[in-house]
Every structure is written in structure tokens, then in C-alpha cells.
PDB file of N, CA and C in Angstrom:
ATOM      1  N   UNK A   1       1.098  -1.336  -0.148  1.00  0.00           N
ATOM      2  CA  UNK A   1      -0.290  -0.192   0.200  1.00  0.00           C
ATOM      3  C   UNK A   1       0.776   0.967   0.174  1.00  0.00           C
ATOM      4  N   UNK A   2       2.331   1.128   0.676  1.00  0.00           N
ATOM      5  CA  UNK A   2       2.635   2.085   0.870  1.00  0.00           C
ATOM      6  C   UNK A   2       3.252   2.615  -0.865  1.00  0.00           C
ATOM      7  N   UNK A   3       3.749   1.643  -1.238  1.00  0.00           N
ATOM      8  CA  UNK A   3       4.648   1.189  -2.637  1.00  0.00           C
ATOM      9  C   UNK A   3       3.525   2.157  -3.677  1.00  0.00           C
ATOM     10  N   UNK A   4       2.204   1.716  -3.424  1.00  0.00           N
ATOM     11  CA  UNK A   4       0.735   2.308  -4.551  1.00  0.00           C
ATOM     12  C   UNK A   4       0.958   3.562  -4.171  1.00  0.00           C
ATOM     13  N   UNK A   5       0.397   4.594  -2.811  1.00  0.00           N
ATOM     14  CA  UNK A   5       0.588   5.420  -2.393  1.00  0.00           C
ATOM     15  C   UNK A   5       1.724   6.684  -3.166  1.00  0.00           C
ATOM     16  N   UNK A   6       2.690   5.781  -2.750  1.00  0.00           N
ATOM     17  CA  UNK A   6       4.330   6.928  -3.616  1.00  0.00           C
ATOM     18  C   UNK A   6       4.376   6.937  -4.816  1.00  0.00           C
ATOM     19  N   UNK A   7       3.569   6.151  -5.511  1.00  0.00           N
ATOM     20  CA  UNK A   7       3.327   6.081  -6.726  1.00  0.00           C
ATOM     21  C   UNK A   7       2.626   7.228  -7.382  1.00  0.00           C
ATOM     22  N   UNK A   8       1.455   6.914  -6.832  1.00  0.00           N
ATOM     23  CA  UNK A   8       0.026   7.929  -7.156  1.00  0.00           C
ATOM     24  C   UNK A   8       1.163   9.442  -6.581  1.00  0.00           C
ATOM     25  N   UNK A   9       1.684   9.840  -5.965  1.00  0.00           N
ATOM     26  CA  UNK A   9       2.362  11.044  -5.174  1.00  0.00           C
ATOM     27  C   UNK A   9       3.416  11.072  -6.570  1.00  0.00           C
ATOM     28  N   UNK A  10       3.809  10.866  -7.071  1.00  0.00           N
ATOM     29  CA  UNK A  10       4.979  10.724  -8.123  1.00  0.00           C
ATOM     30  C   UNK A  10       4.156  11.300  -9.649  1.00  0.00           C
ATOM     31  N   UNK A  11       2.747  10.572  -9.773  1.00  0.00           N
ATOM     32  CA  UNK A  11       2.287  10.546 -11.152  1.00  0.00           C
ATOM     33  C   UNK A  11       1.801  11.308 -10.621  1.00  0.00           C
ATOM     34  N   UNK A  12       0.898  11.837  -9.697  1.00  0.00           N
ATOM     35  CA  UNK A  12       0.282  13.348  -9.455  1.00  0.00           C
ATOM     36  C   UNK A  12       1.377  14.751 -10.069  1.00  0.00           C
ATOM     37  N   UNK A  13       2.258  14.352  -9.548  1.00  0.00           N
ATOM     38  CA  UNK A  13       3.476  15.494  -9.334  1.00  0.00           C
ATOM     39  C   UNK A  13       4.161  15.523 -10.895  1.00  0.00           C
ATOM     40  N   UNK A  14       4.565  15.036 -11.255  1.00  0.00           N
ATOM     41  CA  UNK A  14       4.888  14.758 -12.501  1.00  0.00           C
ATOM     42  C   UNK A  14       3.490  15.348 -13.395  1.00  0.00           C
ATOM     43  N   UNK A  15       2.680  14.900 -13.692  1.00  0.00           N
ATOM     44  CA  UNK A  15       1.164  15.147 -14.135  1.00  0.00           C
ATOM     45  C   UNK A  15       1.117  17.209 -14.255  1.00  0.00           C
ATOM     46  N   UNK A  16       1.619  17.535 -12.595  1.00  0.00           N
ATOM     47  CA  UNK A  16       1.148  19.094 -12.582  1.00  0.00           C
ATOM     48  C   UNK A  16       2.263  19.606 -13.379  1.00  0.00           C
ATOM     49  N   UNK A  17       3.284  19.437 -12.797  1.00  0.00           N
ATOM     50  CA  UNK A  17       4.987  19.438 -13.563  1.00  0.00           C
ATOM     51  C   UNK A  17       4.701  20.040 -14.558  1.00  0.00           C
ATOM     52  N   UNK A  18       4.358  18.647 -15.363  1.00  0.00           N
ATOM     53  CA  UNK A  18       4.186  18.429 -17.232  1.00  0.00           C
ATOM     54  C   UNK A  18       3.319  20.237 -17.612  1.00  0.00           C
ATOM     55  N   UNK A  19       2.625  20.405 -16.632  1.00  0.00           N
ATOM     56  CA  UNK A  19       1.581  21.913 -17.279  1.00  0.00           C
ATOM     57  C   UNK A  19       2.246  23.109 -17.158  1.00  0.00           C
ATOM     58  N   UNK A  20       3.282  23.117 -16.286  1.00  0.00           N
ATOM     59  CA  UNK A  20       4.163  24.369 -16.018  1.00  0.00           C
ATOM     60  C   UNK A  20       4.853  24.687 -16.700  1.00  0.00           C
ATOM     61  N   UNK A  21       5.646  24.232 -17.693  1.00  0.00           N
ATOM     62  CA  UNK A  21       6.359  24.355 -18.577  1.00  0.00           C
ATOM     63  C   UNK A  21       8.210  24.969 -17.872  1.00  0.00           C
ATOM     64  N   UNK A  22       8.085  24.793 -16.759  1.00  0.00           N
ATOM     65  CA  UNK A  22       9.575  25.215 -16.127  1.00  0.00           C
ATOM     66  C   UNK A  22      10.555  24.038 -16.167  1.00  0.00           C
ATOM     67  N   UNK A  23      11.219  23.621 -17.226  1.00  0.00           N
ATOM     68  CA  UNK A  23      11.972  22.400 -16.494  1.00  0.00           C
ATOM     69  C   UNK A  23      12.863  22.111 -15.541  1.00  0.00           C
ATOM     70  N   UNK A  24      13.540  23.267 -15.425  1.00  0.00           N
ATOM     71  CA  UNK A  24      14.278  23.275 -14.150  1.00  0.00           C
ATOM     72  C   UNK A  24      13.558  23.222 -12.777  1.00  0.00           C
ATOM     73  N   UNK A  25      12.362  23.705 -12.651  1.00  0.00           N
ATOM     74  CA  UNK A  25      11.032  23.139 -12.096  1.00  0.00           C
ATOM     75  C   UNK A  25      10.838  21.724 -11.724  1.00  0.00           C
ATOM     76  N   UNK A  26      10.366  21.328 -12.571  1.00  0.00           N
ATOM     77  CA  UNK A  26      10.198  19.670 -12.770  1.00  0.00           C
ATOM     78  C   UNK A  26      11.099  19.106 -12.539  1.00  0.00           C
ATOM     79  N   UNK A  27      12.697  19.373 -13.212  1.00  0.00           N
ATOM     80  CA  UNK A  27      13.766  18.584 -12.386  1.00  0.00           C
ATOM     81  C   UNK A  27      13.713  18.585 -10.818  1.00  0.00           C
ATOM     82  N   UNK A  28      13.514  19.703 -10.153  1.00  0.00           N
ATOM     83  CA  UNK A  28      13.868  19.982  -9.131  1.00  0.00           C
ATOM     84  C   UNK A  28      12.445  19.678  -7.634  1.00  0.00           C
ATOM     85  N   UNK A  29      11.503  19.302  -8.330  1.00  0.00           N
ATOM     86  CA  UNK A  29      10.439  18.087  -7.923  1.00  0.00           C
ATOM     87  C   UNK A  29      10.724  16.684  -7.988  1.00  0.00           C
ATOM     88  N   UNK A  30      11.100  16.111  -9.228  1.00  0.00           N
ATOM     89  CA  UNK A  30      11.499  15.456  -9.230  1.00  0.00           C
ATOM     90  C   UNK A  30      12.914  14.719  -8.438  1.00  0.00           C
ATOM     91  N   UNK A  31      13.462  15.285  -8.026  1.00  0.00           N
ATOM     92  CA  UNK A  31      14.576  15.319  -7.645  1.00  0.00           C
ATOM     93  C   UNK A  31      14.212  14.970  -6.158  1.00  0.00           C
ATOM     94  N   UNK A  32      13.833  16.054  -5.433  1.00  0.00           N
ATOM     95  CA  UNK A  32      12.917  16.119  -4.283  1.00  0.00           C
ATOM     96  C   UNK A  32      12.138  14.922  -3.962  1.00  0.00           C
ATOM     97  N   UNK A  33      11.542  14.274  -4.882  1.00  0.00           N
ATOM     98  CA  UNK A  33      10.816  12.839  -4.598  1.00  0.00           C
ATOM     99  C   UNK A  33      11.915  11.571  -4.626  1.00  0.00           C
ATOM    100  N   UNK A  34      12.779  12.011  -5.211  1.00  0.00           N
ATOM    101  CA  UNK A  34      13.967  10.732  -4.946  1.00  0.00           C
ATOM    102  C   UNK A  34      14.396  10.758  -3.663  1.00  0.00           C
ATOM    103  N   UNK A  35      14.369  12.149  -3.509  1.00  0.00           N
ATOM    104  CA  UNK A  35      15.050  11.852  -2.018  1.00  0.00           C
ATOM    105  C   UNK A  35      14.090  11.303  -1.160  1.00  0.00           C
ATOM    106  N   UNK A  36      12.774  11.832  -1.208  1.00  0.00           N
ATOM    107  CA  UNK A  36      11.947  11.079  -0.329  1.00  0.00           C
ATOM    108  C   UNK A  36      12.072   9.513  -0.443  1.00  0.00           C
ATOM    109  N   UNK A  37      12.263   9.078  -1.725  1.00  0.00           N
ATOM    110  CA  UNK A  37      12.212   7.549  -2.148  1.00  0.00           C
ATOM    111  C   UNK A  37      14.004   7.018  -1.506  1.00  0.00           C
ATOM    112  N   UNK A  38      14.495   7.789  -0.896  1.00  0.00           N
ATOM    113  CA  UNK A  38      15.696   7.543  -0.741  1.00  0.00           C
ATOM    114  C   UNK A  38      16.614   6.827  -1.926  1.00  0.00           C
ATOM    115  N   UNK A  39      16.239   8.027  -2.442  1.00  0.00           N
ATOM    116  CA  UNK A  39      17.433   7.636  -3.613  1.00  0.00           C
ATOM    117  C   UNK A  39      18.350   8.835  -3.827  1.00  0.00           C
ATOM    118  N   UNK A  40      19.438   9.093  -3.534  1.00  0.00           N
ATOM    119  CA  UNK A  40      20.369  10.264  -2.853  1.00  0.00           C
ATOM    120  C   UNK A  40      21.430  10.582  -4.409  1.00  0.00           C
ATOM    121  N   UNK A  41      21.420   9.189  -4.988  1.00  0.00           N
ATOM    122  CA  UNK A  41      22.480   9.430  -5.955  1.00  0.00           C
ATOM    123  C   UNK A  41      21.576   9.959  -7.380  1.00  0.00           C
ATOM    124  N   UNK A  42      20.446   9.579  -7.623  1.00  0.00           N
ATOM    125  CA  UNK A  42      19.379   9.809  -8.654  1.00  0.00           C
ATOM    126  C   UNK A  42      19.237  11.548  -8.266  1.00  0.00           C
ATOM    127  N   UNK A  43      18.889  11.759  -6.922  1.00  0.00           N
ATOM    128  CA  UNK A  43      18.746  13.290  -7.018  1.00  0.00           C
ATOM    129  C   UNK A  43      19.909  13.996  -6.964  1.00  0.00           C
ATOM    130  N   UNK A  44      20.913  13.777  -6.672  1.00  0.00           N
ATOM    131  CA  UNK A  44      21.924  14.473  -6.849  1.00  0.00           C
ATOM    132  C   UNK A  44      22.081  14.719  -8.780  1.00  0.00           C
ATOM    133  N   UNK A  45      21.943  13.580  -9.324  1.00  0.00           N
ATOM    134  CA  UNK A  45      21.959  13.787 -11.108  1.00  0.00           C
ATOM    135  C   UNK A  45      21.081  14.723 -11.532  1.00  0.00           C
ATOM    136  N   UNK A  46      19.652  14.834 -10.673  1.00  0.00           N
ATOM    137  CA  UNK A  46      19.152  15.750 -11.221  1.00  0.00           C
ATOM    138  C   UNK A  46      19.117  17.380 -10.572  1.00  0.00           C
ATOM    139  N   UNK A  47      20.330  17.336  -9.357  1.00  0.00           N
ATOM    140  CA  UNK A  47      20.845  18.542  -9.138  1.00  0.00           C
ATOM    141  C   UNK A  47      21.598  19.084  -9.940  1.00  0.00           C
ATOM    142  N   UNK A  48      22.406  17.894 -10.117  1.00  0.00           N
ATOM    143  CA  UNK A  48      23.272  18.732 -10.863  1.00  0.00           C
ATOM    144  C   UNK A  48      22.865  19.020 -12.436  1.00  0.00           C
ATOM    145  N   UNK A  49      22.191  18.534 -13.056  1.00  0.00           N
ATOM    146  CA  UNK A  49      21.568  18.760 -14.108  1.00  0.00           C
ATOM    147  C   UNK A  49      21.107  19.980 -14.017  1.00  0.00           C
ATOM    148  N   UNK A  50      20.011  20.383 -13.077  1.00  0.00           N
ATOM    149  CA  UNK A  50      19.539  21.512 -13.150  1.00  0.00           C
ATOM    150  C   UNK A  50      20.500  22.763 -13.113  1.00  0.00           C
ATOM    151  N   UNK A  51      21.413  22.732 -11.853  1.00  0.00           N
ATOM    152  CA  UNK A  51      23.036  23.444 -11.961  1.00  0.00           C
ATOM    153  C   UNK A  51      23.537  23.922 -13.080  1.00  0.00           C
ATOM    154  N   UNK A  52      23.669  22.789 -14.073  1.00  0.00           N
ATOM    155  CA  UNK A  52      24.329  22.888 -15.592  1.00  0.00           C
ATOM    156  C   UNK A  52      23.537  23.225 -16.370  1.00  0.00           C
ATOM    157  N   UNK A  53      22.386  23.336 -16.540  1.00  0.00           N
ATOM    158  CA  UNK A  53      21.231  23.617 -17.561  1.00  0.00           C
ATOM    159  C   UNK A  53      20.820  24.881 -17.149  1.00  0.00           C
ATOM    160  N   UNK A  54      20.552  24.834 -16.059  1.00  0.00           N
ATOM    161  CA  UNK A  54      19.585  26.433 -15.604  1.00  0.00           C
ATOM    162  C   UNK A  54      20.134  26.994 -14.714  1.00  0.00           C
ATOM    163  N   UNK A  55      21.381  27.337 -15.073  1.00  0.00           N
ATOM    164  CA  UNK A  55      22.625  28.099 -13.920  1.00  0.00           C
ATOM    165  C   UNK A  55      21.592  29.341 -13.611  1.00  0.00           C
ATOM    166  N   UNK A  56      20.839  29.843 -14.235  1.00  0.00           N
ATOM    167  CA  UNK A  56      20.303  31.433 -13.837  1.00  0.00           C
ATOM    168  C   UNK A  56      18.583  31.017 -13.323  1.00  0.00           C
ATOM    169  N   UNK A  57      18.283  30.119 -13.394  1.00  0.00           N
ATOM    170  CA  UNK A  57      17.214  29.938 -12.549  1.00  0.00           C
ATOM    171  C   UNK A  57      16.939  29.846 -11.099  1.00  0.00           C
ATOM    172  N   UNK A  58      15.911  30.224 -10.503  1.00  0.00           N
ATOM    173  CA  UNK A  58      15.717  30.217  -9.375  1.00  0.00           C
ATOM    174  C   UNK A  58      16.210  28.808  -8.393  1.00  0.00           C
ATOM    175  N   UNK A  59      16.011  27.766  -9.605  1.00  0.00           N
ATOM    176  CA  UNK A  59      15.846  26.301  -8.773  1.00  0.00           C
ATOM    177  C   UNK A  59      17.882  26.052  -9.057  1.00  0.00           C
ATOM    178  N   UNK A  60      18.628  26.900  -9.787  1.00  0.00           N
ATOM    179  CA  UNK A  60      20.194  26.542  -9.613  1.00  0.00           C
ATOM    180  C   UNK A  60      20.392  26.513  -8.183  1.00  0.00           C
ATOM    181  N   UNK A  61      20.343  27.752  -7.411  1.00  0.00           N
ATOM    182  CA  UNK A  61      20.265  27.864  -6.259  1.00  0.00           C
ATOM    183  C   UNK A  61      19.809  26.987  -5.176  1.00  0.00           C
ATOM    184  N   UNK A  62      18.336  26.685  -5.169  1.00  0.00           N
ATOM    185  CA  UNK A  62      18.553  25.479  -4.263  1.00  0.00           C
ATOM    186  C   UNK A  62      18.590  24.533  -4.324  1.00  0.00           C
ATOM    187  N   UNK A  63      18.908  24.084  -5.976  1.00  0.00           N
ATOM    188  CA  UNK A  63      19.613  22.555  -6.201  1.00  0.00           C
ATOM    189  C   UNK A  63      20.901  22.542  -5.561  1.00  0.00           C
ATOM    190  N   UNK A  64      21.843  23.375  -5.336  1.00  0.00           N
ATOM    191  CA  UNK A  64      23.283  23.493  -4.676  1.00  0.00           C
ATOM    192  C   UNK A  64      22.996  23.408  -3.614  1.00  0.00           C
ATOM    193  N   UNK A  65      21.991  23.888  -2.871  1.00  0.00           N
ATOM    194  CA  UNK A  65      22.237  23.947  -1.321  1.00  0.00           C
ATOM    195  C   UNK A  65      21.776  22.351  -1.652  1.00  0.00           C
ATOM    196  N   UNK A  66      20.349  21.885  -1.684  1.00  0.00           N
ATOM    197  CA  UNK A  66      20.299  20.376  -1.506  1.00  0.00           C
ATOM    198  C   UNK A  66      21.452  19.657  -2.048  1.00  0.00           C
ATOM    199  N   UNK A  67      22.389  19.345  -2.871  1.00  0.00           N
ATOM    200  CA  UNK A  67      23.473  19.046  -3.310  1.00  0.00           C
ATOM    201  C   UNK A  67      24.097  19.030  -2.261  1.00  0.00           C
ATOM    202  N   UNK A  68      24.080  19.991  -1.616  1.00  0.00           N
ATOM    203  CA  UNK A  68      25.614  20.291  -0.403  1.00  0.00           C
ATOM    204  C   UNK A  68      24.865  19.229   0.977  1.00  0.00           C
ATOM    205  N   UNK A  69      23.775  19.458   0.661  1.00  0.00           N
ATOM    206  CA  UNK A  69      23.166  19.079   1.770  1.00  0.00           C
ATOM    207  C   UNK A  69      23.245  17.182   2.024  1.00  0.00           C
ATOM    208  N   UNK A  70      23.279  16.565   0.802  1.00  0.00           N
ATOM    209  CA  UNK A  70      23.358  15.540   0.501  1.00  0.00           C
ATOM    210  C   UNK A  70      24.862  14.778   0.897  1.00  0.00           C
ATOM    211  N   UNK A  71      25.540  15.415  -0.230  1.00  0.00           N
ATOM    212  CA  UNK A  71      26.961  15.595   0.174  1.00  0.00           C
ATOM    213  C   UNK A  71      27.499  15.417   1.588  1.00  0.00           C
ATOM    214  N   UNK A  72      26.819  16.257   2.234  1.00  0.00           N
ATOM    215  CA  UNK A  72      27.250  16.315   4.026  1.00  0.00           C
ATOM    216  C   UNK A  72      26.427  14.868   4.395  1.00  0.00           C
ATOM    217  N   UNK A  73      25.886  14.098   4.316  1.00  0.00           N
ATOM    218  CA  UNK A  73      25.088  12.928   4.607  1.00  0.00           C
ATOM    219  C   UNK A  73      25.585  11.896   4.002  1.00  0.00           C
ATOM    220  N   UNK A  74      26.558  12.148   3.309  1.00  0.00           N
ATOM    221  CA  UNK A  74      27.624  10.129   2.697  1.00  0.00           C
ATOM    222  C   UNK A  74      28.130  10.045   3.748  1.00  0.00           C
TER     223      UNK A  74
END
């Protein structure tokens, strides 16, 4: 049941973010979900992608902060 709810949350988040047209925001939300799923490696990859592709976005700074926090927890 727990996995079913998690899958529904992911589908919901992706469907909402798919409407926004803001790729940096979409990647950031997906990375946060990866963290919640205890997948820091994939979350880190997504945060790095945000920083590399969208350095001027508001999400680049947020991604840097999250990436730093993930690296400290290793």
C-alpha cells in the first residue's frame, strides 16, 4: 500500500509539473521525490542537471543547497 501511495504521488507531481513548462522546476520536484524515496544518487544527478542546464534559474541555487546537504550526509 505504501508503494502504491508513493507511485500515485509521483504520477500526480509529474502531471502537475508537466503543465508548468518550467523544466528546472520539474527537475527540482522530481529530485525532491527521489530524496523521499531514499535515492540520493539519482537526486544528486538531477540537481547537477539543474545547475548545469539552468544556472540562472531560481532552482539552481536551491539545487546547489540540496546537493550540498546530500554530500554532507554521505
